[in-house]
Protein backbone atom coordinates (compact mmCIF):
# COMPACT_ATOMS: atom_id res chain seq x y z
CA MET A 1 69.69 -112.59 110.61
CA ARG A 2 69.22 -110.05 107.83
CA ALA A 3 65.86 -108.91 106.41
CA THR A 4 65.29 -106.56 103.49
CA LEU A 5 61.91 -105.13 102.50
CA GLU A 6 60.54 -104.65 99.01
CA SER A 7 57.24 -102.81 98.54
CA LEU A 8 54.92 -104.19 95.89
CA GLU A 9 51.68 -102.85 94.43
CA LYS A 10 48.29 -103.04 96.15
CA ASN A 11 49.67 -102.93 99.71
CA GLN A 12 51.80 -106.03 99.14
CA ALA A 13 55.30 -106.40 100.58
CA LYS A 14 58.06 -108.95 100.16
CA ILE A 15 60.66 -109.61 102.82
CA HIS A 16 63.91 -111.30 101.80
CA VAL A 17 65.34 -113.10 104.84
CA GLU A 18 68.73 -114.71 105.40
CA VAL A 19 69.42 -116.73 108.57
CA GLU A 20 73.02 -117.53 109.55
CA GLU A 21 74.36 -121.04 108.99
CA GLU A 22 75.10 -121.38 112.73
CA VAL A 23 71.40 -120.98 113.47
CA VAL A 24 70.61 -123.52 110.75
CA ALA A 25 73.02 -126.00 112.35
CA LYS A 26 71.30 -125.62 115.73
CA ALA A 27 67.90 -126.10 114.13
CA LEU A 28 69.01 -129.28 112.37
CA ASP A 29 70.40 -130.60 115.67
CA GLN A 30 67.04 -129.84 117.35
CA ALA A 31 65.28 -131.55 114.49
CA TYR A 32 67.42 -134.66 114.91
CA ARG A 33 66.64 -134.86 118.65
CA LYS A 34 62.91 -134.60 117.96
CA VAL A 35 62.84 -137.11 115.09
CA VAL A 36 65.03 -139.74 116.73
CA LYS A 37 62.56 -140.02 119.61
CA ARG A 38 59.75 -140.94 117.21
CA VAL A 39 61.38 -143.65 115.14
CA VAL A 40 62.72 -147.16 115.78
CA ILE A 41 65.90 -148.19 113.94
CA PRO A 42 67.00 -151.87 114.16
CA GLY A 43 70.02 -152.35 116.36
CA PHE A 44 69.41 -149.24 118.44
CA ARG A 45 67.17 -148.42 121.37
CA LYS A 46 64.44 -145.89 120.59
CA GLY A 47 65.91 -142.40 120.66
CA LYS A 48 69.53 -143.59 120.66
CA ALA A 49 70.32 -143.96 116.96
CA PRO A 50 73.26 -141.72 115.91
CA ARG A 51 72.45 -138.89 113.52
CA PRO A 52 74.45 -140.30 110.56
CA ILE A 53 72.59 -143.62 110.89
CA LEU A 54 69.24 -141.79 111.11
CA GLU A 55 70.01 -139.71 108.03
CA ALA A 56 71.17 -142.77 106.09
CA ARG A 57 68.02 -144.65 107.05
CA LEU A 58 65.39 -141.88 106.60
CA GLY A 59 67.19 -139.29 104.48
CA LYS A 60 68.21 -135.74 105.35
CA GLU A 61 64.94 -134.39 104.00
CA VAL A 62 63.17 -135.53 107.21
CA LEU A 63 65.46 -133.33 109.28
CA TYR A 64 65.14 -130.43 106.84
CA GLU A 65 61.32 -130.53 107.11
CA GLU A 66 61.51 -130.49 110.90
CA ALA A 67 64.17 -127.77 110.92
CA LEU A 68 62.09 -125.64 108.56
CA GLU A 69 59.26 -125.49 111.10
CA ILE A 70 61.75 -124.56 113.84
CA LEU A 71 63.43 -121.84 111.78
CA LEU A 72 60.59 -120.30 109.84
CA ASN A 73 58.23 -119.09 112.58
CA ASP A 74 60.92 -117.38 114.62
CA ALA A 75 62.70 -115.90 111.60
CA TYR A 76 59.48 -114.48 110.13
CA LYS A 77 58.49 -112.82 113.42
CA LYS A 78 61.93 -111.21 113.73
CA ALA A 79 61.81 -110.08 110.09
CA VAL A 80 58.42 -108.41 110.66
CA GLN A 81 59.81 -106.56 113.68
CA GLU A 82 63.00 -105.59 111.86
CA THR A 83 61.20 -104.20 108.81
CA ALA A 84 58.41 -102.62 110.96
CA ILE A 85 55.64 -103.80 108.64
CA GLU A 86 52.09 -104.56 109.83
CA PRO A 87 50.84 -107.73 108.11
CA ILE A 88 47.09 -108.24 107.73
CA ASN A 89 47.11 -111.81 106.40
CA GLN A 90 49.23 -114.95 106.47
CA PRO A 91 52.44 -114.78 104.41
CA GLU A 92 53.20 -116.73 101.25
CA ILE A 93 56.55 -118.39 101.92
CA ASP A 94 59.05 -119.25 99.19
CA VAL A 95 62.05 -121.22 100.52
CA VAL A 96 65.09 -120.25 98.45
CA GLN A 97 67.74 -122.24 100.30
CA LEU A 98 67.89 -124.70 103.19
CA GLU A 99 71.09 -126.76 103.29
CA GLU A 100 73.48 -127.77 106.02
CA GLY A 101 76.49 -125.45 106.21
CA LYS A 102 74.70 -122.65 104.32
CA PRO A 103 72.40 -119.76 105.36
CA PHE A 104 68.67 -120.39 105.36
CA ILE A 105 67.12 -118.06 102.78
CA PHE A 106 63.43 -117.45 102.15
CA ASP A 107 61.05 -114.81 100.80
CA ALA A 108 57.78 -113.90 102.54
CA LYS A 109 55.09 -112.12 100.55
CA VAL A 110 52.35 -110.57 102.66
CA GLU A 111 49.62 -107.91 102.54
CA VAL A 112 50.28 -105.01 104.89
CA LEU A 113 48.37 -102.08 106.32
CA PRO A 114 48.21 -99.34 103.69
CA GLU A 115 49.61 -95.86 104.07
CA VAL A 116 47.00 -93.38 105.27
CA LYS A 117 47.21 -89.79 104.06
CA LEU A 118 45.61 -87.88 106.90
CA GLY A 119 43.75 -84.68 106.22
CA GLU A 120 42.87 -82.14 108.88
CA TYR A 121 42.17 -83.85 112.18
CA LYS A 122 42.94 -81.16 114.75
CA GLY A 123 40.63 -78.22 115.05
CA VAL A 124 37.85 -79.89 113.08
CA SER A 125 34.55 -78.04 113.49
CA ALA A 126 31.20 -79.72 113.92
CA VAL A 127 27.78 -78.82 115.25
CA ILE A 128 26.96 -79.70 118.85
CA PRO A 129 23.22 -80.39 119.04
CA GLU A 130 21.46 -77.96 121.32
CA VAL A 131 19.62 -79.57 124.21
CA LYS A 132 16.15 -78.13 124.66
CA VAL A 133 13.45 -79.70 126.77
CA ASP A 134 10.00 -78.15 126.43
CA ASP A 135 6.82 -78.84 128.39
CA GLU A 136 5.43 -81.02 125.61
CA GLU A 137 8.34 -83.43 125.89
CA VAL A 138 7.97 -83.65 129.67
CA ASP A 139 4.24 -84.26 129.25
CA ALA A 140 4.93 -87.04 126.72
CA HIS A 141 7.14 -88.85 129.25
CA LEU A 142 4.51 -88.31 131.91
CA LYS A 143 1.87 -89.90 129.70
CA LEU A 144 4.09 -92.94 129.22
CA LEU A 145 4.19 -93.31 132.99
CA GLN A 146 0.42 -92.91 133.08
CA GLN A 147 -0.01 -95.68 130.49
CA ARG A 148 2.28 -98.01 132.39
CA HIS A 149 0.34 -97.58 135.60
CA ALA A 150 -3.06 -98.04 134.04
CA LYS A 151 -5.60 -100.35 135.70
CA LEU A 152 -7.59 -102.94 133.82
CA VAL A 153 -11.31 -102.76 134.45
CA ASP A 154 -14.22 -104.73 133.04
CA ALA A 155 -15.69 -102.98 129.98
CA GLY A 156 -19.06 -104.67 130.36
CA ASP A 157 -21.13 -106.24 127.62
CA LYS A 158 -19.65 -104.50 124.60
CA GLU A 159 -18.06 -105.47 121.32
CA VAL A 160 -14.29 -105.64 121.05
CA ASN A 161 -12.75 -102.43 119.72
CA ASP A 162 -9.23 -101.33 118.98
CA GLY A 163 -7.33 -100.73 122.22
CA ASP A 164 -9.49 -103.11 124.27
CA ILE A 165 -8.11 -106.17 126.03
CA ALA A 166 -10.08 -109.21 124.95
CA VAL A 167 -10.10 -112.19 127.30
CA VAL A 168 -10.51 -115.27 125.13
CA ASP A 169 -10.60 -119.06 125.19
CA LEU A 170 -8.51 -120.42 122.33
CA GLU A 171 -8.24 -123.75 120.61
CA ILE A 172 -5.70 -123.74 117.80
CA LYS A 173 -5.04 -126.73 115.57
CA VAL A 174 -2.02 -127.16 113.33
CA ASP A 175 -1.92 -130.13 110.96
CA GLY A 176 -5.17 -131.31 112.53
CA LYS A 177 -3.76 -131.48 116.08
CA VAL A 178 -4.40 -129.10 118.97
CA GLU A 179 -1.30 -126.91 119.46
CA GLU A 180 -1.00 -126.91 123.26
CA ARG A 181 1.58 -124.11 123.28
CA LEU A 182 -0.96 -121.68 121.85
CA SER A 183 -4.29 -123.01 123.08
CA GLY A 184 -5.82 -122.34 126.47
CA SER A 185 -8.52 -120.51 128.40
CA GLU A 186 -8.73 -116.87 129.45
CA LYS A 187 -5.84 -115.52 127.43
CA TYR A 188 -5.42 -111.77 127.30
CA VAL A 189 -5.09 -110.19 123.86
CA GLU A 190 -4.52 -106.43 123.57
CA VAL A 191 -6.28 -105.53 120.33
CA GLY A 192 -4.08 -103.46 118.04
CA ALA A 193 -0.82 -104.35 119.80
CA ALA A 194 0.02 -107.31 117.50
CA ARG A 195 1.37 -109.35 120.40
CA PHE A 196 1.03 -113.08 121.21
CA ILE A 197 -0.07 -114.14 117.70
CA PRO A 198 0.19 -111.21 115.27
CA GLY A 199 -2.97 -111.07 113.16
CA LEU A 200 -5.23 -112.68 115.75
CA ASP A 201 -6.51 -109.39 117.15
CA ALA A 202 -7.92 -108.36 113.75
CA HIS A 203 -10.32 -111.34 113.92
CA LEU A 204 -11.48 -110.26 117.38
CA LEU A 205 -12.67 -106.80 116.31
CA GLY A 206 -16.45 -106.50 116.59
CA MET A 207 -16.94 -109.69 118.60
CA ASN A 208 -19.14 -109.59 121.70
CA VAL A 209 -18.81 -111.30 125.07
CA ASN A 210 -19.68 -115.04 124.83
CA GLU A 211 -19.49 -114.88 121.02
CA GLU A 212 -17.59 -117.69 119.29
CA LYS A 213 -15.81 -117.68 115.94
CA THR A 214 -13.84 -120.16 113.86
CA PHE A 215 -11.40 -119.23 111.10
CA THR A 216 -8.12 -120.27 109.49
CA MET A 217 -4.99 -118.18 109.33
CA ASN A 218 -1.35 -118.75 108.39
CA LEU A 219 0.85 -118.27 111.41
CA PRO A 220 3.16 -115.27 110.84
CA SER A 221 6.87 -115.55 110.05
CA VAL A 222 7.58 -113.20 112.96
CA PHE A 223 6.80 -115.78 115.60
CA GLN A 224 8.22 -117.25 118.79
CA TYR A 225 7.91 -120.88 117.64
CA LYS A 226 10.06 -121.37 114.55
CA ASP A 227 8.55 -124.78 113.81
CA LEU A 228 5.11 -123.21 113.34
CA GLU A 229 6.08 -120.26 111.14
CA GLY A 230 4.01 -120.00 107.97
CA LYS A 231 1.81 -123.00 108.79
CA GLU A 232 -1.95 -122.85 108.34
CA ALA A 233 -3.79 -122.97 111.67
CA GLU A 234 -7.45 -123.53 112.54
CA PHE A 235 -8.66 -121.10 115.21
CA LYS A 236 -11.65 -121.57 117.49
CA VAL A 237 -12.05 -118.53 119.70
CA LYS A 238 -14.57 -117.43 122.32
CA VAL A 239 -14.57 -113.99 123.92
CA THR A 240 -15.24 -114.41 127.64
CA ALA A 241 -14.73 -110.80 128.71
CA VAL A 242 -13.71 -107.40 127.42
CA LYS A 243 -11.52 -105.14 129.52
CA LYS A 244 -10.18 -101.66 129.04
CA LYS A 245 -7.42 -99.57 130.50
CA GLU A 246 -8.35 -97.02 133.14
CA LEU A 247 -5.71 -94.33 133.31
CA PRO A 248 -4.88 -92.79 136.70
CA GLU A 249 -5.33 -89.06 137.20
CA LEU A 250 -2.15 -87.05 136.74
CA ASP A 251 -2.10 -85.38 140.14
CA ASP A 252 -0.05 -85.26 143.34
CA GLU A 253 -1.39 -88.67 144.44
CA PHE A 254 -0.16 -90.20 141.22
CA ALA A 255 3.31 -88.73 141.81
CA LYS A 256 3.36 -90.12 145.36
CA ASP A 257 2.22 -93.56 144.22
CA ILE A 258 4.75 -94.07 141.46
CA SER A 259 7.76 -92.11 142.68
CA GLU A 260 9.50 -90.65 145.70
CA HIS A 261 8.16 -87.17 144.94
CA ALA A 262 5.40 -85.48 146.93
CA THR A 263 3.84 -83.48 144.12
CA LEU A 264 3.23 -83.78 140.41
CA GLU A 265 5.34 -80.68 139.78
CA GLU A 266 8.30 -82.27 141.55
CA LEU A 267 7.91 -85.39 139.44
CA LYS A 268 7.77 -83.30 136.26
CA GLU A 269 10.86 -81.37 137.28
CA ASP A 270 12.72 -84.62 137.94
CA LEU A 271 11.66 -85.90 134.52
CA ARG A 272 12.89 -82.66 132.94
CA LYS A 273 16.32 -83.06 134.55
CA ARG A 274 16.60 -86.66 133.41
CA ILE A 275 15.60 -85.74 129.86
CA GLU A 276 18.14 -82.92 129.84
CA GLU A 277 20.92 -85.20 131.11
CA THR A 278 20.08 -87.84 128.52
CA GLY A 279 19.99 -85.10 125.89
CA ARG A 280 23.44 -83.87 126.87
CA ILE A 281 24.85 -87.40 126.68
CA ASN A 282 23.25 -87.88 123.29
CA ALA A 283 24.54 -84.48 122.08
CA LYS A 284 28.10 -85.46 123.01
CA ARG A 285 27.71 -88.75 121.17
CA ILE A 286 26.40 -87.04 118.03
CA PHE A 287 29.17 -84.43 118.19
CA LYS A 288 31.84 -87.14 118.46
CA GLU A 289 30.33 -89.02 115.51
CA ARG A 290 30.31 -85.87 113.41
CA VAL A 291 33.93 -85.02 114.25
CA VAL A 292 35.16 -88.54 113.50
CA SER A 293 33.14 -88.63 110.28
CA LYS A 294 34.76 -85.39 109.07
CA VAL A 295 38.25 -86.63 109.92
CA VAL A 296 37.66 -89.93 108.10
CA ASP A 297 36.17 -88.19 105.05
CA GLN A 298 39.25 -85.96 104.69
CA ALA A 299 41.70 -88.88 104.83
CA GLU A 300 42.86 -90.86 101.79
CA VAL A 301 43.60 -94.57 101.96
CA GLU A 302 43.37 -97.61 99.69
CA ILE A 303 41.17 -100.20 101.41
CA PRO A 304 42.86 -103.64 101.45
CA GLU A 305 40.68 -106.38 99.99
CA THR A 306 41.57 -108.71 102.87
CA LEU A 307 40.30 -106.32 105.54
CA LEU A 308 37.21 -105.49 103.50
CA LYS A 309 36.26 -109.16 103.18
CA GLN A 310 36.80 -109.75 106.90
CA GLN A 311 34.70 -106.72 107.83
CA LEU A 312 31.95 -107.63 105.36
CA GLU A 313 31.69 -111.06 106.98
CA GLU A 314 31.41 -109.41 110.42
CA GLU A 315 28.76 -106.95 109.19
CA THR A 316 26.78 -109.77 107.59
CA ASN A 317 26.91 -111.92 110.74
CA ARG A 318 25.83 -108.97 112.88
CA PHE A 319 22.96 -108.23 110.53
CA VAL A 320 21.74 -111.84 110.59
CA GLN A 321 21.96 -111.91 114.40
CA ARG A 322 19.87 -108.74 114.67
CA LEU A 323 17.22 -110.26 112.41
CA ALA A 324 17.19 -113.40 114.55
CA MET A 325 16.77 -111.35 117.75
CA GLN A 326 13.77 -109.61 116.16
CA ARG A 327 12.44 -112.95 114.86
CA LEU A 328 12.65 -111.71 111.29
CA THR A 329 13.67 -113.69 108.24
CA LEU A 330 15.74 -112.17 105.45
CA ASP A 331 12.66 -112.15 103.22
CA ASP A 332 10.72 -110.28 105.92
CA TYR A 333 13.41 -107.61 106.09
CA LEU A 334 13.71 -107.20 102.32
CA LYS A 335 9.95 -106.72 102.04
CA MET A 336 9.87 -104.21 104.90
CA ALA A 337 12.88 -102.27 103.54
CA ASN A 338 11.65 -102.54 99.94
CA LYS A 339 15.02 -103.91 98.81
CA ASP A 340 16.38 -106.91 96.97
CA SER A 341 19.39 -109.03 97.95
CA ASP A 342 21.72 -106.99 95.70
CA GLY A 343 20.65 -103.77 97.39
CA LEU A 344 21.21 -105.30 100.81
CA ARG A 345 24.68 -106.49 99.83
CA GLN A 346 25.57 -103.02 98.57
CA ASP A 347 24.47 -101.55 101.91
CA LEU A 348 26.56 -104.05 103.85
CA GLU A 349 29.59 -103.48 101.62
CA ALA A 350 29.34 -99.71 102.07
CA ARG A 351 29.07 -100.17 105.83
CA ALA A 352 32.06 -102.51 105.85
CA GLU A 353 34.18 -100.14 103.76
CA LEU A 354 33.42 -97.22 106.07
CA ALA A 355 34.22 -99.32 109.14
CA VAL A 356 37.60 -100.40 107.71
CA LYS A 357 38.53 -96.88 106.65
CA THR A 358 37.59 -95.53 110.07
CA ARG A 359 39.81 -98.10 111.81
CA LEU A 360 42.73 -97.36 109.49
CA VAL A 361 42.41 -93.59 110.00
CA LEU A 362 42.11 -93.84 113.78
CA ASN A 363 45.10 -96.17 113.85
CA ALA A 364 47.14 -93.70 111.80
CA ILE A 365 46.25 -90.84 114.16
CA ALA A 366 47.19 -92.98 117.16
CA LYS A 367 50.66 -93.43 115.65
CA ALA A 368 51.02 -89.79 114.68
CA GLU A 369 50.01 -88.56 118.15
CA GLU A 370 51.59 -91.48 120.04
CA VAL A 371 48.28 -92.39 121.65
CA LYS A 372 48.60 -95.70 123.48
CA VAL A 373 46.66 -97.90 125.88
CA THR A 374 48.50 -98.45 129.15
CA ASP A 375 48.49 -101.73 131.06
CA GLU A 376 46.57 -99.97 133.83
CA GLU A 377 43.84 -98.86 131.41
CA LEU A 378 43.51 -102.34 129.95
CA ASN A 379 43.37 -103.92 133.41
CA GLN A 380 40.73 -101.42 134.50
CA GLU A 381 38.59 -102.21 131.46
CA ILE A 382 38.82 -105.94 132.20
CA ASN A 383 37.91 -105.29 135.86
CA ASP A 384 34.91 -103.20 134.78
CA LEU A 385 33.72 -105.88 132.37
CA ALA A 386 34.19 -108.57 135.01
CA ALA A 387 32.13 -106.57 137.52
CA GLN A 388 29.44 -105.93 134.91
CA TYR A 389 29.01 -109.64 134.15
CA ASN A 390 29.74 -110.87 137.69
CA LEU A 391 32.94 -112.69 136.67
CA GLU A 392 36.42 -112.99 138.11
CA ALA A 393 38.77 -110.56 136.37
CA GLU A 394 41.60 -113.08 135.97
CA LYS A 395 39.28 -115.71 134.51
CA LEU A 396 37.88 -113.14 132.08
CA ARG A 397 41.39 -112.13 131.00
CA ALA A 398 42.37 -115.77 130.50
CA ASP A 399 39.24 -116.37 128.43
CA LEU A 400 39.91 -113.29 126.28
CA GLU A 401 43.49 -114.40 125.70
CA ALA A 402 42.40 -117.95 124.84
CA ARG A 403 39.92 -116.67 122.25
CA GLY A 404 42.36 -114.13 120.85
CA GLN A 405 40.09 -111.26 121.90
CA LEU A 406 42.44 -109.40 124.25
CA GLY A 407 43.99 -107.53 121.34
CA VAL A 408 40.53 -106.64 120.04
CA LEU A 409 39.61 -105.16 123.43
CA GLU A 410 42.86 -103.19 123.51
CA GLU A 411 42.20 -101.87 120.00
CA GLU A 412 38.70 -100.73 121.00
CA LEU A 413 40.18 -98.83 123.96
CA LEU A 414 42.80 -97.28 121.69
CA PHE A 415 40.24 -96.08 119.17
CA GLU A 416 38.08 -94.67 121.97
CA LYS A 417 41.08 -92.68 123.23
CA VAL A 418 41.79 -91.39 119.73
CA GLN A 419 38.17 -90.30 119.30
CA ASP A 420 38.32 -88.48 122.65
CA PHE A 421 41.54 -86.81 121.46
CA LEU A 422 39.79 -85.65 118.29
CA VAL A 423 36.84 -84.28 120.28
CA ASP A 424 39.14 -82.48 122.74
CA ASN A 425 40.83 -80.77 119.80
CA ALA A 426 37.64 -80.04 117.84
CA VAL A 427 35.68 -76.81 117.58
CA GLY A 428 32.04 -77.03 118.61
CA LEU A 429 29.48 -75.01 116.69
CA THR A 430 25.93 -74.39 117.80
CA GLU A 431 22.77 -74.19 115.76
CA GLU A 432 19.16 -75.23 115.93
CA PRO A 433 18.55 -78.95 116.64
CA VAL A 434 18.38 -81.08 113.51
CA GLN A 435 16.01 -83.88 112.59
CA GLU A 436 18.25 -86.69 113.86
CA GLU A 437 18.09 -85.21 117.36
CA ALA A 438 14.30 -85.28 117.31
CA GLU A 439 14.41 -88.94 116.31
CA ALA A 440 16.95 -89.68 119.03
CA LYS A 441 14.72 -87.99 121.62
CA THR A 442 11.84 -90.23 120.62
CA GLU A 443 13.99 -93.33 121.11
CA GLU A 444 15.18 -92.07 124.50
CA ALA A 445 11.72 -91.36 125.86
CA GLU A 446 10.96 -94.88 127.03
CA ALA A 447 14.45 -95.35 128.47
CA ILE A 448 14.05 -92.29 130.68
CA THR A 449 10.60 -93.39 131.75
CA GLU A 450 12.04 -96.78 132.72
CA GLU A 451 14.73 -95.06 134.80
CA THR A 452 12.10 -93.02 136.60
CA GLU A 453 10.09 -96.13 137.40
CA ILE A 454 13.11 -97.91 138.88
CA LYS A 455 12.89 -95.46 141.78
CA ALA A 456 9.13 -95.82 142.07
CA LYS A 457 7.47 -97.11 145.23
CA GLU A 458 5.80 -100.49 145.07
CA THR A 459 2.18 -99.87 144.16
CA GLU A 460 -0.88 -101.87 143.17
CA THR A 461 -1.98 -100.70 139.71
CA ILE A 462 -4.10 -103.60 138.53
CA THR A 463 -7.34 -104.91 139.89
CA GLU A 464 -7.33 -107.88 142.27
CA GLU A 465 -9.16 -109.99 139.70
CA THR A 466 -6.55 -109.29 136.99
CA GLU A 467 -3.61 -109.90 139.34
CA ALA A 468 -5.01 -113.25 140.40
CA LYS A 469 -5.53 -114.23 136.79
CA THR A 470 -2.00 -113.17 135.86
CA ASP A 471 -0.55 -115.21 138.74
CA GLU A 472 -2.45 -118.28 137.57
CA GLU A 473 -1.25 -117.82 134.01
CA GLN A 474 2.36 -117.34 135.06
CA GLU A 475 2.24 -120.49 137.18
CA ALA A 476 0.77 -122.42 134.27
CA GLN A 477 3.45 -121.08 131.97
CA ALA A 478 6.19 -122.18 134.33
CA GLU A 479 4.67 -125.66 134.52
CA ASP A 480 4.01 -126.45 130.91
CA SER A 481 5.76 -123.66 128.95
CA LYS A 482 2.49 -122.46 127.44
CA PRO A 483 2.70 -118.82 126.33
CA GLN A 484 0.33 -116.56 128.28
CA GLU A 485 -0.77 -113.25 126.83
CA GLU A 486 -0.80 -110.69 129.63
CA PRO A 487 -2.46 -107.28 129.50
CA ALA A 488 -0.16 -104.51 128.33
CA ALA A 489 -0.39 -102.65 131.63
CA GLU A 490 0.81 -105.71 133.52
CA ARG A 491 3.57 -106.61 131.07
CA GLU A 492 5.03 -103.16 131.00
CA ASP A 493 5.06 -102.83 134.77
């Protein structure tokens, strides 16, 4: 077989392929053996008709069509290997010649990975965020722990204020019928938290114990029951009790109750270490992102339309999934972000273009530096994923192969290795922390607090009355799937 490559404009390539007549003869013979088993020719048993009789009866074109399938797939794969191109879409095939006793000739036009002109990628300098943990940050984490271990106590005969937990009896009608999923007695509503039914707590402000109120309200679009979103509902509510959070004292006893530490100072020191470790991990992540961003910015490459469309579809699907997880509609997001659909599309297109360029640049560096993923590294990644999701490694591998995802996993590992290579060869600069670090610290605060509480001793932080009520509500929820609004202190524990 002989293959010659012709480069066309816009990352297009054409391969001219010639396959020897001997190979064509074998393919036609294979085609005959396959076709003869499928047809019945008078005077012959099925599968026994001689080839000349078959051709006279059905025509040679039947064999040529079958032979084309046999020849084309194998010849194209070999041509791709021989010319060392990297196709990114299916080829357009133009059969030039397919006749018995002559070479099989065809042209394959295909879009290929573009050439990447790499800029500087070794010795790139970027700022490593400085990790500083002050007393205020430690105290902020400590206060989160204090909030999570708050007790609920009866607030007495007072009106409902922001921050209170109102215990209410609810009857909610939609389309004139009681909505059992939302109605019920002694539901807990934390005023100001916008949980359970967002907007309900605003109607509870100023109400007193045993006071009743009726009102109508459209159920919000951000809601757990999609079939009720936007519908008008009639509310009948009665406040049966008002409770408030009672925060525990931040002292040595508190440290003993919620952790394995004997004193408050030991707990604070442990929090400081955790914050610092999280900060160091975050600083490394930010540094890597900055290095990769610089390398990608300095590279030049023409983005193929095919890859851009594929990536845009992925970005759009991911975006829609995130909205669904947050129970947001597209209209909700556009209002919140103060954008229109054109602005959103531009954002997604820019994100897709950057993602494609990053992949192309990392792939080019992998080739230039001969960075590869070994079988052992791929196997280890599969084993780690299997352990993480409690699956058998071989079954996971088989599933990845069946879905065509094994190559995707290998590419992710390759790009991670390339990014580590870039970081290892980068120059780290230091300066004062920037705004993005402060934002990252805020996001990490709750995660660190959660980690601290995992090691906490089992402790009773809610009154016996509240615990009993919560147990009753949870049992009722399990029985009839009615949503039960629990106090914040209980939910967060």
